[in-house]
Amino acid sequence: MGTTERYWVIGGEYECLSFSNVKDGAQQVFGPFATRDQARAEWKRRSAEHSSKATVRFGIAAEQISVALRA
């Protein structure tokens, strides 16, 4: 068994600038992406779309997954 990673862009509009709670129904998830570079490009696009809203934030999350190695 081996491991690999896939990446997700997650975030949305938060209740306030402490960024501790996302508003109900405002959560957004994009992906999965095979590489961090692909996720970063999506993160940049989504962040730029919402740059005028101080309470919107996105980040990149990595997920480790197990994969069977072929013999």
Foldseek 3Di string as FASTA:
>chain_A
DAKAKWKKKKWFFAPDLVRPGRPVPGIDIDDGHRDPVVRVVVLVVVCVVCVVPNRTHIDMDMDMDDDDDDD
